[in-house]
C-alpha atoms as a PDB file:
ATOM      1  CA  UNK A   1      55.902 133.584  88.822  1.00  0.00           C
ATOM      2  CA  UNK A   2      59.007 135.719  88.254  1.00  0.00           C
ATOM      3  CA  UNK A   3      60.509 135.993  84.768  1.00  0.00           C
ATOM      4  CA  UNK A   4      64.128 134.816  84.732  1.00  0.00           C
ATOM      5  CA  UNK A   5      66.695 137.209  83.192  1.00  0.00           C
ATOM      6  CA  UNK A   6      69.820 135.919  81.407  1.00  0.00           C
ATOM      7  CA  UNK A   7      72.556 137.896  79.686  1.00  0.00           C
ATOM      8  CA  UNK A   8      74.024 136.670  76.364  1.00  0.00           C
ATOM      9  CA  UNK A   9      77.196 138.690  75.807  1.00  0.00           C
ATOM     10  CA  UNK A  10      79.776 136.094  74.745  1.00  0.00           C
ATOM     11  CA  UNK A  11      80.516 136.400  71.035  1.00  0.00           C
ATOM     12  CA  UNK A  12      81.014 133.556  68.507  1.00  0.00           C
ATOM     13  CA  UNK A  13      83.784 134.400  66.029  1.00  0.00           C
ATOM     14  CA  UNK A  14      84.339 137.880  64.667  1.00  0.00           C
ATOM     15  CA  UNK A  15      81.933 138.088  61.705  1.00  0.00           C
ATOM     16  CA  UNK A  16      79.647 141.129  61.591  1.00  0.00           C
ATOM     17  CA  UNK A  17      76.539 140.597  59.448  1.00  0.00           C
ATOM     18  CA  UNK A  18      74.221 143.084  57.807  1.00  0.00           C
ATOM     19  CA  UNK A  19      71.353 140.699  58.553  1.00  0.00           C
ATOM     20  CA  UNK A  20      72.584 137.631  60.447  1.00  0.00           C
ATOM     21  CA  UNK A  21      69.837 134.989  60.251  1.00  0.00           C
ATOM     22  CA  UNK A  22      68.933 131.310  60.166  1.00  0.00           C
ATOM     23  CA  UNK A  23      71.369 129.749  62.680  1.00  0.00           C
ATOM     24  CA  UNK A  24      71.551 125.943  62.673  1.00  0.00           C
ATOM     25  CA  UNK A  25      73.670 123.417  64.497  1.00  0.00           C
ATOM     26  CA  UNK A  26      75.017 121.003  61.884  1.00  0.00           C
ATOM     27  CA  UNK A  27      75.493 117.715  63.739  1.00  0.00           C
ATOM     28  CA  UNK A  28      77.200 116.127  60.725  1.00  0.00           C
ATOM     29  CA  UNK A  29      80.287 118.259  61.335  1.00  0.00           C
ATOM     30  CA  UNK A  30      79.697 119.641  64.834  1.00  0.00           C
ATOM     31  CA  UNK A  31      79.543 123.239  63.611  1.00  0.00           C
ATOM     32  CA  UNK A  32      77.314 126.292  63.872  1.00  0.00           C
ATOM     33  CA  UNK A  33      76.138 127.771  60.571  1.00  0.00           C
ATOM     34  CA  UNK A  34      74.187 130.919  59.812  1.00  0.00           C
ATOM     35  CA  UNK A  35      73.598 133.336  56.917  1.00  0.00           C
ATOM     36  CA  UNK A  36      74.074 136.991  56.156  1.00  0.00           C
ATOM     37  CA  UNK A  37      70.807 137.409  54.332  1.00  0.00           C
ATOM     38  CA  UNK A  38      71.219 140.521  52.206  1.00  0.00           C
ATOM     39  CA  UNK A  39      74.916 139.837  51.501  1.00  0.00           C
ATOM     40  CA  UNK A  40      74.156 136.301  50.264  1.00  0.00           C
ATOM     41  CA  UNK A  41      76.709 134.644  52.540  1.00  0.00           C
ATOM     42  CA  UNK A  42      76.752 131.350  54.446  1.00  0.00           C
ATOM     43  CA  UNK A  43      79.003 131.509  57.498  1.00  0.00           C
ATOM     44  CA  UNK A  44      80.069 128.935  60.041  1.00  0.00           C
ATOM     45  CA  UNK A  45      82.109 128.330  63.191  1.00  0.00           C
ATOM     46  CA  UNK A  46      83.711 125.257  64.648  1.00  0.00           C
ATOM     47  CA  UNK A  47      83.978 125.341  68.453  1.00  0.00           C
ATOM     48  CA  UNK A  48      87.663 124.372  68.342  1.00  0.00           C
ATOM     49  CA  UNK A  49      88.992 125.273  64.911  1.00  0.00           C
ATOM     50  CA  UNK A  50      87.187 128.600  64.618  1.00  0.00           C
ATOM     51  CA  UNK A  51      85.572 130.185  61.566  1.00  0.00           C
ATOM     52  CA  UNK A  52      84.662 128.099  58.541  1.00  0.00           C
ATOM     53  CA  UNK A  53      85.294 129.431  55.027  1.00  0.00           C
ATOM     54  CA  UNK A  54      82.580 131.874  53.999  1.00  0.00           C
ATOM     55  CA  UNK A  55      80.421 130.734  51.081  1.00  0.00           C
ATOM     56  CA  UNK A  56      79.249 133.472  48.683  1.00  0.00           C
ATOM     57  CA  UNK A  57      75.977 132.529  46.938  1.00  0.00           C
ATOM     58  CA  UNK A  58      75.574 135.588  44.726  1.00  0.00           C
ATOM     59  CA  UNK A  59      71.977 136.284  45.791  1.00  0.00           C
ATOM     60  CA  UNK A  60      70.103 136.875  49.049  1.00  0.00           C
ATOM     61  CA  UNK A  61      69.826 133.758  51.242  1.00  0.00           C
ATOM     62  CA  UNK A  62      67.262 133.374  54.014  1.00  0.00           C
ATOM     63  CA  UNK A  63      68.346 130.041  55.500  1.00  0.00           C
ATOM     64  CA  UNK A  64      70.270 126.816  55.111  1.00  0.00           C
ATOM     65  CA  UNK A  65      69.429 123.332  56.406  1.00  0.00           C
ATOM     66  CA  UNK A  66      71.491 120.127  56.411  1.00  0.00           C
ATOM     67  CA  UNK A  67      70.652 117.354  53.980  1.00  0.00           C
ATOM     68  CA  UNK A  68      71.135 113.630  53.978  1.00  0.00           C
ATOM     69  CA  UNK A  69      74.394 114.150  52.076  1.00  0.00           C
ATOM     70  CA  UNK A  70      77.344 116.435  52.708  1.00  0.00           C
ATOM     71  CA  UNK A  71      75.722 119.500  51.114  1.00  0.00           C
ATOM     72  CA  UNK A  72      73.238 122.111  52.326  1.00  0.00           C
ATOM     73  CA  UNK A  73      69.839 123.127  51.084  1.00  0.00           C
ATOM     74  CA  UNK A  74      69.519 126.898  50.947  1.00  0.00           C
ATOM     75  CA  UNK A  75      66.518 129.181  50.540  1.00  0.00           C
ATOM     76  CA  UNK A  76      67.750 131.868  48.124  1.00  0.00           C
ATOM     77  CA  UNK A  77      66.048 134.608  46.136  1.00  0.00           C
ATOM     78  CA  UNK A  78      65.099 132.305  43.267  1.00  0.00           C
ATOM     79  CA  UNK A  79      64.004 129.270  45.283  1.00  0.00           C
ATOM     80  CA  UNK A  80      65.597 126.165  46.859  1.00  0.00           C
ATOM     81  CA  UNK A  81      69.264 125.614  46.019  1.00  0.00           C
ATOM     82  CA  UNK A  82      71.767 122.907  46.786  1.00  0.00           C
ATOM     83  CA  UNK A  83      75.118 124.175  48.097  1.00  0.00           C
ATOM     84  CA  UNK A  84      78.011 121.764  47.704  1.00  0.00           C
ATOM     85  CA  UNK A  85      80.900 121.496  50.171  1.00  0.00           C
ATOM     86  CA  UNK A  86      83.101 123.332  47.652  1.00  0.00           C
ATOM     87  CA  UNK A  87      80.715 126.318  47.795  1.00  0.00           C
ATOM     88  CA  UNK A  88      79.082 125.891  44.382  1.00  0.00           C
ATOM     89  CA  UNK A  89      75.315 126.463  44.197  1.00  0.00           C
ATOM     90  CA  UNK A  90      72.596 125.082  41.951  1.00  0.00           C
ATOM     91  CA  UNK A  91      68.924 126.025  41.964  1.00  0.00           C
ATOM     92  CA  UNK A  92      67.199 122.660  42.383  1.00  0.00           C
ATOM     93  CA  UNK A  93      63.620 123.890  42.772  1.00  0.00           C
ATOM     94  CA  UNK A  94      62.755 127.356  41.501  1.00  0.00           C
ATOM     95  CA  UNK A  95      59.873 129.364  42.924  1.00  0.00           C
ATOM     96  CA  UNK A  96      57.633 131.384  40.581  1.00  0.00           C
ATOM     97  CA  UNK A  97      59.201 134.701  39.545  1.00  0.00           C
ATOM     98  CA  UNK A  98      55.889 136.526  39.977  1.00  0.00           C
ATOM     99  CA  UNK A  99      55.231 138.834  41.614  1.00  0.00           C
ATOM    100  CA  UNK A 100      58.592 140.526  41.024  1.00  0.00           C
ATOM    101  CA  UNK A 101      60.878 141.618  43.841  1.00  0.00           C
ATOM    102  CA  UNK A 102      60.317 138.562  46.032  1.00  0.00           C
ATOM    103  CA  UNK A 103      62.907 136.558  47.998  1.00  0.00           C
ATOM    104  CA  UNK A 104      63.012 133.649  50.392  1.00  0.00           C
ATOM    105  CA  UNK A 105      63.124 134.397  54.111  1.00  0.00           C
ATOM    106  CA  UNK A 106      63.275 132.059  57.125  1.00  0.00           C
ATOM    107  CA  UNK A 107      62.986 128.296  56.717  1.00  0.00           C
ATOM    108  CA  UNK A 108      63.343 125.015  58.644  1.00  0.00           C
ATOM    109  CA  UNK A 109      63.193 121.267  58.107  1.00  0.00           C
ATOM    110  CA  UNK A 110      60.499 119.423  60.033  1.00  0.00           C
ATOM    111  CA  UNK A 111      61.272 116.212  61.950  1.00  0.00           C
ATOM    112  CA  UNK A 112      60.150 114.134  58.933  1.00  0.00           C
ATOM    113  CA  UNK A 113      62.581 115.873  56.557  1.00  0.00           C
ATOM    114  CA  UNK A 114      60.290 118.310  54.740  1.00  0.00           C
ATOM    115  CA  UNK A 115      61.251 122.003  54.508  1.00  0.00           C
ATOM    116  CA  UNK A 116      58.919 124.856  55.336  1.00  0.00           C
ATOM    117  CA  UNK A 117      60.049 128.285  54.101  1.00  0.00           C
ATOM    118  CA  UNK A 118      58.651 131.779  53.867  1.00  0.00           C
ATOM    119  CA  UNK A 119      58.819 134.093  50.860  1.00  0.00           C
ATOM    120  CA  UNK A 120      58.297 137.842  50.984  1.00  0.00           C
ATOM    121  CA  UNK A 121      58.772 141.076  49.089  1.00  0.00           C
ATOM    122  CA  UNK A 122      62.347 142.260  49.553  1.00  0.00           C
ATOM    123  CA  UNK A 123      61.490 145.929  49.704  1.00  0.00           C
ATOM    124  CA  UNK A 124      58.479 147.443  51.456  1.00  0.00           C
ATOM    125  CA  UNK A 125      56.949 144.086  52.431  1.00  0.00           C
ATOM    126  CA  UNK A 126      53.231 143.729  51.706  1.00  0.00           C
ATOM    127  CA  UNK A 127      50.637 140.914  51.770  1.00  0.00           C
ATOM    128  CA  UNK A 128      52.183 139.021  48.841  1.00  0.00           C
ATOM    129  CA  UNK A 129      54.190 136.787  51.173  1.00  0.00           C
ATOM    130  CA  UNK A 130      53.592 133.042  51.410  1.00  0.00           C
ATOM    131  CA  UNK A 131      54.731 129.991  53.363  1.00  0.00           C
ATOM    132  CA  UNK A 132      55.825 127.038  51.229  1.00  0.00           C
ATOM    133  CA  UNK A 133      56.412 123.367  51.917  1.00  0.00           C
ATOM    134  CA  UNK A 134      59.056 121.397  50.034  1.00  0.00           C
ATOM    135  CA  UNK A 135      58.296 117.676  50.238  1.00  0.00           C
ATOM    136  CA  UNK A 136      60.563 114.650  49.974  1.00  0.00           C
ATOM    137  CA  UNK A 137      59.631 114.170  46.309  1.00  0.00           C
ATOM    138  CA  UNK A 138      60.821 117.745  45.563  1.00  0.00           C
ATOM    139  CA  UNK A 139      57.274 118.984  45.003  1.00  0.00           C
ATOM    140  CA  UNK A 140      56.562 122.467  46.338  1.00  0.00           C
ATOM    141  CA  UNK A 141      53.356 124.315  47.081  1.00  0.00           C
ATOM    142  CA  UNK A 142      52.241 127.380  49.107  1.00  0.00           C
ATOM    143  CA  UNK A 143      50.577 126.440  52.405  1.00  0.00           C
ATOM    144  CA  UNK A 144      49.684 129.939  53.624  1.00  0.00           C
ATOM    145  CA  UNK A 145      49.304 133.181  51.685  1.00  0.00           C
ATOM    146  CA  UNK A 146      48.563 136.807  52.480  1.00  0.00           C
ATOM    147  CA  UNK A 147      51.660 137.000  54.705  1.00  0.00           C
ATOM    148  CA  UNK A 148      53.929 140.028  55.101  1.00  0.00           C
ATOM    149  CA  UNK A 149      57.165 138.824  56.757  1.00  0.00           C
ATOM    150  CA  UNK A 150      56.954 135.032  57.217  1.00  0.00           C
ATOM    151  CA  UNK A 151      59.514 134.234  59.859  1.00  0.00           C
ATOM    152  CA  UNK A 152      60.234 131.875  62.764  1.00  0.00           C
ATOM    153  CA  UNK A 153      59.232 128.226  62.319  1.00  0.00           C
ATOM    154  CA  UNK A 154      59.570 125.304  64.726  1.00  0.00           C
ATOM    155  CA  UNK A 155      57.980 122.123  66.031  1.00  0.00           C
ATOM    156  CA  UNK A 156      57.156 120.728  69.452  1.00  0.00           C
ATOM    157  CA  UNK A 157      59.282 117.799  70.729  1.00  0.00           C
ATOM    158  CA  UNK A 158      56.609 115.275  69.636  1.00  0.00           C
ATOM    159  CA  UNK A 159      56.292 116.945  66.218  1.00  0.00           C
ATOM    160  CA  UNK A 160      52.553 117.416  66.626  1.00  0.00           C
ATOM    161  CA  UNK A 161      52.535 121.192  66.960  1.00  0.00           C
ATOM    162  CA  UNK A 162      54.063 123.725  64.572  1.00  0.00           C
ATOM    163  CA  UNK A 163      54.919 127.279  65.562  1.00  0.00           C
ATOM    164  CA  UNK A 164      55.132 130.141  63.108  1.00  0.00           C
ATOM    165  CA  UNK A 165      55.231 133.914  63.091  1.00  0.00           C
ATOM    166  CA  UNK A 166      54.324 136.541  60.537  1.00  0.00           C
ATOM    167  CA  UNK A 167      56.406 139.329  62.087  1.00  0.00           C
ATOM    168  CA  UNK A 168      54.008 142.222  61.494  1.00  0.00           C
ATOM    169  CA  UNK A 169      51.211 140.418  63.375  1.00  0.00           C
ATOM    170  CA  UNK A 170      53.209 140.705  66.607  1.00  0.00           C
ATOM    171  CA  UNK A 171      52.553 137.172  67.806  1.00  0.00           C
ATOM    172  CA  UNK A 172      53.507 133.518  67.551  1.00  0.00           C
ATOM    173  CA  UNK A 173      50.839 131.223  66.092  1.00  0.00           C
ATOM    174  CA  UNK A 174      50.526 127.502  66.630  1.00  0.00           C
ATOM    175  CA  UNK A 175      49.090 124.771  64.415  1.00  0.00           C
ATOM    176  CA  UNK A 176      48.097 121.171  64.930  1.00  0.00           C
ATOM    177  CA  UNK A 177      50.659 119.253  62.879  1.00  0.00           C
ATOM    178  CA  UNK A 178      50.444 115.797  61.317  1.00  0.00           C
ATOM    179  CA  UNK A 179      54.031 114.481  61.087  1.00  0.00           C
ATOM    180  CA  UNK A 180      53.037 111.758  58.632  1.00  0.00           C
ATOM    181  CA  UNK A 181      51.361 114.026  56.060  1.00  0.00           C
ATOM    182  CA  UNK A 182      52.911 117.410  56.843  1.00  0.00           C
ATOM    183  CA  UNK A 183      49.504 119.024  57.176  1.00  0.00           C
ATOM    184  CA  UNK A 184      49.231 122.069  59.459  1.00  0.00           C
ATOM    185  CA  UNK A 185      45.701 122.903  60.645  1.00  0.00           C
ATOM    186  CA  UNK A 186      43.831 124.745  63.395  1.00  0.00           C
ATOM    187  CA  UNK A 187      45.880 127.945  63.378  1.00  0.00           C
ATOM    188  CA  UNK A 188      45.517 129.910  66.551  1.00  0.00           C
ATOM    189  CA  UNK A 189      47.474 132.536  68.562  1.00  0.00           C
ATOM    190  CA  UNK A 190      50.056 131.041  70.924  1.00  0.00           C
ATOM    191  CA  UNK A 191      51.765 134.085  72.421  1.00  0.00           C
ATOM    192  CA  UNK A 192      51.292 137.805  71.904  1.00  0.00           C
ATOM    193  CA  UNK A 193      54.419 139.994  71.722  1.00  0.00           C
ATOM    194  CA  UNK A 194      53.855 143.522  73.100  1.00  0.00           C
ATOM    195  CA  UNK A 195      54.958 146.176  70.641  1.00  0.00           C
ATOM    196  CA  UNK A 196      57.156 147.653  73.349  1.00  0.00           C
ATOM    197  CA  UNK A 197      59.144 144.375  73.510  1.00  0.00           C
ATOM    198  CA  UNK A 198      60.007 144.320  69.781  1.00  0.00           C
ATOM    199  CA  UNK A 199      58.817 142.298  66.805  1.00  0.00           C
ATOM    200  CA  UNK A 200      58.901 138.479  66.648  1.00  0.00           C
ATOM    201  CA  UNK A 201      61.585 137.081  64.326  1.00  0.00           C
ATOM    202  CA  UNK A 202      63.263 133.643  64.219  1.00  0.00           C
ATOM    203  CA  UNK A 203      62.497 130.995  66.823  1.00  0.00           C
ATOM    204  CA  UNK A 204      63.572 127.631  68.182  1.00  0.00           C
ATOM    205  CA  UNK A 205      62.079 125.039  70.566  1.00  0.00           C
ATOM    206  CA  UNK A 206      63.710 123.306  73.533  1.00  0.00           C
ATOM    207  CA  UNK A 207      63.330 119.785  74.922  1.00  0.00           C
ATOM    208  CA  UNK A 208      60.720 121.001  77.421  1.00  0.00           C
ATOM    209  CA  UNK A 209      58.543 122.234  74.527  1.00  0.00           C
ATOM    210  CA  UNK A 210      59.195 125.889  75.298  1.00  0.00           C
ATOM    211  CA  UNK A 211      59.463 128.369  72.400  1.00  0.00           C
ATOM    212  CA  UNK A 212      62.384 130.822  72.226  1.00  0.00           C
ATOM    213  CA  UNK A 213      61.671 133.828  69.975  1.00  0.00           C
ATOM    214  CA  UNK A 214      64.179 136.465  68.900  1.00  0.00           C
ATOM    215  CA  UNK A 215      62.863 140.027  69.016  1.00  0.00           C
ATOM    216  CA  UNK A 216      63.752 142.481  66.261  1.00  0.00           C
ATOM    217  CA  UNK A 217      64.248 145.922  67.835  1.00  0.00           C
ATOM    218  CA  UNK A 218      63.937 144.174  71.194  1.00  0.00           C
ATOM    219  CA  UNK A 219      67.561 143.327  72.034  1.00  0.00           C
ATOM    220  CA  UNK A 220      66.339 140.037  73.507  1.00  0.00           C
ATOM    221  CA  UNK A 221      65.112 136.497  73.116  1.00  0.00           C
ATOM    222  CA  UNK A 222      61.931 135.542  74.997  1.00  0.00           C
ATOM    223  CA  UNK A 223      61.053 132.014  76.137  1.00  0.00           C
ATOM    224  CA  UNK A 224      57.412 130.963  76.273  1.00  0.00           C
ATOM    225  CA  UNK A 225      56.168 127.835  78.035  1.00  0.00           C
ATOM    226  CA  UNK A 226      53.914 125.399  76.141  1.00  0.00           C
ATOM    227  CA  UNK A 227      51.001 127.263  77.708  1.00  0.00           C
ATOM    228  CA  UNK A 228      52.206 130.518  76.084  1.00  0.00           C
ATOM    229  CA  UNK A 229      53.493 132.157  79.252  1.00  0.00           C
ATOM    230  CA  UNK A 230      56.701 134.235  79.233  1.00  0.00           C
ATOM    231  CA  UNK A 231      59.179 132.794  81.761  1.00  0.00           C
ATOM    232  CA  UNK A 232      62.664 133.794  80.561  1.00  0.00           C
ATOM    233  CA  UNK A 233      64.228 136.814  78.847  1.00  0.00           C
ATOM    234  CA  UNK A 234      67.696 136.584  77.367  1.00  0.00           C
ATOM    235  CA  UNK A 235      69.138 140.027  76.874  1.00  0.00           C
ATOM    236  CA  UNK A 236      71.567 140.665  73.997  1.00  0.00           C
ATOM    237  CA  UNK A 237      73.850 143.586  73.124  1.00  0.00           C
ATOM    238  CA  UNK A 238      72.200 143.893  69.692  1.00  0.00           C
ATOM    239  CA  UNK A 239      68.978 145.863  69.148  1.00  0.00           C
ATOM    240  CA  UNK A 240      67.982 143.818  66.102  1.00  0.00           C
ATOM    241  CA  UNK A 241      68.078 140.264  67.483  1.00  0.00           C
ATOM    242  CA  UNK A 242      67.061 138.014  64.620  1.00  0.00           C
ATOM    243  CA  UNK A 243      67.042 134.267  65.430  1.00  0.00           C
ATOM    244  CA  UNK A 244      68.346 131.559  67.710  1.00  0.00           C
ATOM    245  CA  UNK A 245      69.187 127.875  67.883  1.00  0.00           C
ATOM    246  CA  UNK A 246      70.483 125.371  70.423  1.00  0.00           C
ATOM    247  CA  UNK A 247      73.711 123.593  69.636  1.00  0.00           C
ATOM    248  CA  UNK A 248      77.034 122.339  70.904  1.00  0.00           C
ATOM    249  CA  UNK A 249      77.835 118.701  71.789  1.00  0.00           C
ATOM    250  CA  UNK A 250      75.031 118.594  74.391  1.00  0.00           C
ATOM    251  CA  UNK A 251      72.686 121.069  72.601  1.00  0.00           C
ATOM    252  CA  UNK A 252      72.708 123.299  75.696  1.00  0.00           C
ATOM    253  CA  UNK A 253      74.377 126.334  74.079  1.00  0.00           C
ATOM    254  CA  UNK A 254      71.923 128.929  72.802  1.00  0.00           C
ATOM    255  CA  UNK A 255      73.306 130.790  69.738  1.00  0.00           C
ATOM    256  CA  UNK A 256      71.689 134.104  68.797  1.00  0.00           C
ATOM    257  CA  UNK A 257      72.135 136.019  65.554  1.00  0.00           C
ATOM    258  CA  UNK A 258      71.660 139.730  65.004  1.00  0.00           C
ATOM    259  CA  UNK A 259      71.696 142.484  62.389  1.00  0.00           C
ATOM    260  CA  UNK A 260      73.297 145.918  62.010  1.00  0.00           C
ATOM    261  CA  UNK A 261      71.463 147.060  58.877  1.00  0.00           C
ATOM    262  CA  UNK A 262      69.401 150.226  59.097  1.00  0.00           C
ATOM    263  CA  UNK A 263      70.577 151.398  62.519  1.00  0.00           C
ATOM    264  CA  UNK A 264      70.773 155.126  62.976  1.00  0.00           C
ATOM    265  CA  UNK A 265      73.771 156.867  64.506  1.00  0.00           C
ATOM    266  CA  UNK A 266      72.441 156.726  68.054  1.00  0.00           C
ATOM    267  CA  UNK A 267      71.506 153.041  67.761  1.00  0.00           C
ATOM    268  CA  UNK A 268      74.962 152.179  66.458  1.00  0.00           C
ATOM    269  CA  UNK A 269      76.454 153.968  69.448  1.00  0.00           C
ATOM    270  CA  UNK A 270      74.158 152.258  71.902  1.00  0.00           C
ATOM    271  CA  UNK A 271      74.536 148.800  70.272  1.00  0.00           C
ATOM    272  CA  UNK A 272      78.061 148.708  68.788  1.00  0.00           C
ATOM    273  CA  UNK A 273      78.136 144.903  68.721  1.00  0.00           C
ATOM    274  CA  UNK A 274      75.118 144.584  66.410  1.00  0.00           C
ATOM    275  CA  UNK A 275      75.506 142.049  63.612  1.00  0.00           C
ATOM    276  CA  UNK A 276      77.469 139.542  65.699  1.00  0.00           C
ATOM    277  CA  UNK A 277      76.493 136.112  66.994  1.00  0.00           C
ATOM    278  CA  UNK A 278      76.116 135.682  70.770  1.00  0.00           C
ATOM    279  CA  UNK A 279      75.865 132.647  72.982  1.00  0.00           C
ATOM    280  CA  UNK A 280      74.866 131.634  76.501  1.00  0.00           C
ATOM    281  CA  UNK A 281      73.939 128.458  78.385  1.00  0.00           C
ATOM    282  CA  UNK A 282      70.374 128.934  79.738  1.00  0.00           C
ATOM    283  CA  UNK A 283      70.195 125.608  81.557  1.00  0.00           C
ATOM    284  CA  UNK A 284      68.067 123.625  79.102  1.00  0.00           C
ATOM    285  CA  UNK A 285      68.772 121.564  76.011  1.00  0.00           C
ATOM    286  CA  UNK A 286      67.292 122.285  72.614  1.00  0.00           C
ATOM    287  CA  UNK A 287      65.996 120.037  69.872  1.00  0.00           C
ATOM    288  CA  UNK A 288      68.316 118.908  67.077  1.00  0.00           C
ATOM    289  CA  UNK A 289      68.397 120.749  63.791  1.00  0.00           C
ATOM    290  CA  UNK A 290      66.494 118.550  61.356  1.00  0.00           C
ATOM    291  CA  UNK A 291      67.680 117.878  57.815  1.00  0.00           C
ATOM    292  CA  UNK A 292      65.991 117.894  54.442  1.00  0.00           C
ATOM    293  CA  UNK A 293      65.744 114.259  53.389  1.00  0.00           C
ATOM    294  CA  UNK A 294      64.543 113.800  49.804  1.00  0.00           C
ATOM    295  CA  UNK A 295      63.055 110.462  48.888  1.00  0.00           C
ATOM    296  CA  UNK A 296      65.407 107.946  47.275  1.00  0.00           C
ATOM    297  CA  UNK A 297      65.131 108.276  43.498  1.00  0.00           C
ATOM    298  CA  UNK A 298      63.252 111.575  43.604  1.00  0.00           C
ATOM    299  CA  UNK A 299      64.645 114.391  41.421  1.00  0.00           C
ATOM    300  CA  UNK A 300      64.237 118.143  41.590  1.00  0.00           C
ATOM    301  CA  UNK A 301      62.363 119.924  38.801  1.00  0.00           C
ATOM    302  CA  UNK A 302      65.319 122.148  37.917  1.00  0.00           C
END
């Protein structure tokens, strides 16, 4: 079967990010949000009104997710933080300071309202990385360790399969997932990413259960069927494609973030639009961006 090729060249707004990451579609307000990881910024765009005010968090931020209120939950260097609509930030659940030099990376809420998030060494990543789960009672615990660059996370439409990638492994893994308990078991390879195609970064899942994975140094997003077969390539004008999400009123717009950090002179010439957000309509709808929903009466430790 032939692999379908799509071009994503339309830009969203004018922001240029060092490391654009973690796009979400915030249904509460009908807006796209994403982060500039190393700059510690939360950005956003309304499809009619244009750019939202940039929120400066003062430390690296790997992701944001909606909550049951008007604020956001952010994964920042020091742990999980609540970001108020006025832009103020408070660390609600700190993550251990040891080993030093660690920061949060990619993260997502599952369909039941828990948050899964990766943590890694900021410089020269090694096997100290871990994948954490933040539960509705604000308890937090590592679920996987020995990771290098914990990255894309997502769930199948029925919530019974979790997808995850540790970038340096060059593949997407799948787990059997129990939506009621949040337990992920039976880890196994789902799709191998050839080194020539780039490195797997952030991912999202569509209504057909297909997995869309952004490829760092691949200038593309690949779509894999539930059987793990590549069937679509979305080409982007950014070498370091970082993550993707479906959004818009019908969730049929695919938004793709990218990075410009670390490009050499030739790469900057070849990919002058790096760091921007791109969009296309690939003909399928995605799943909604789930929110962190803490249990009524539960309080964070910080």
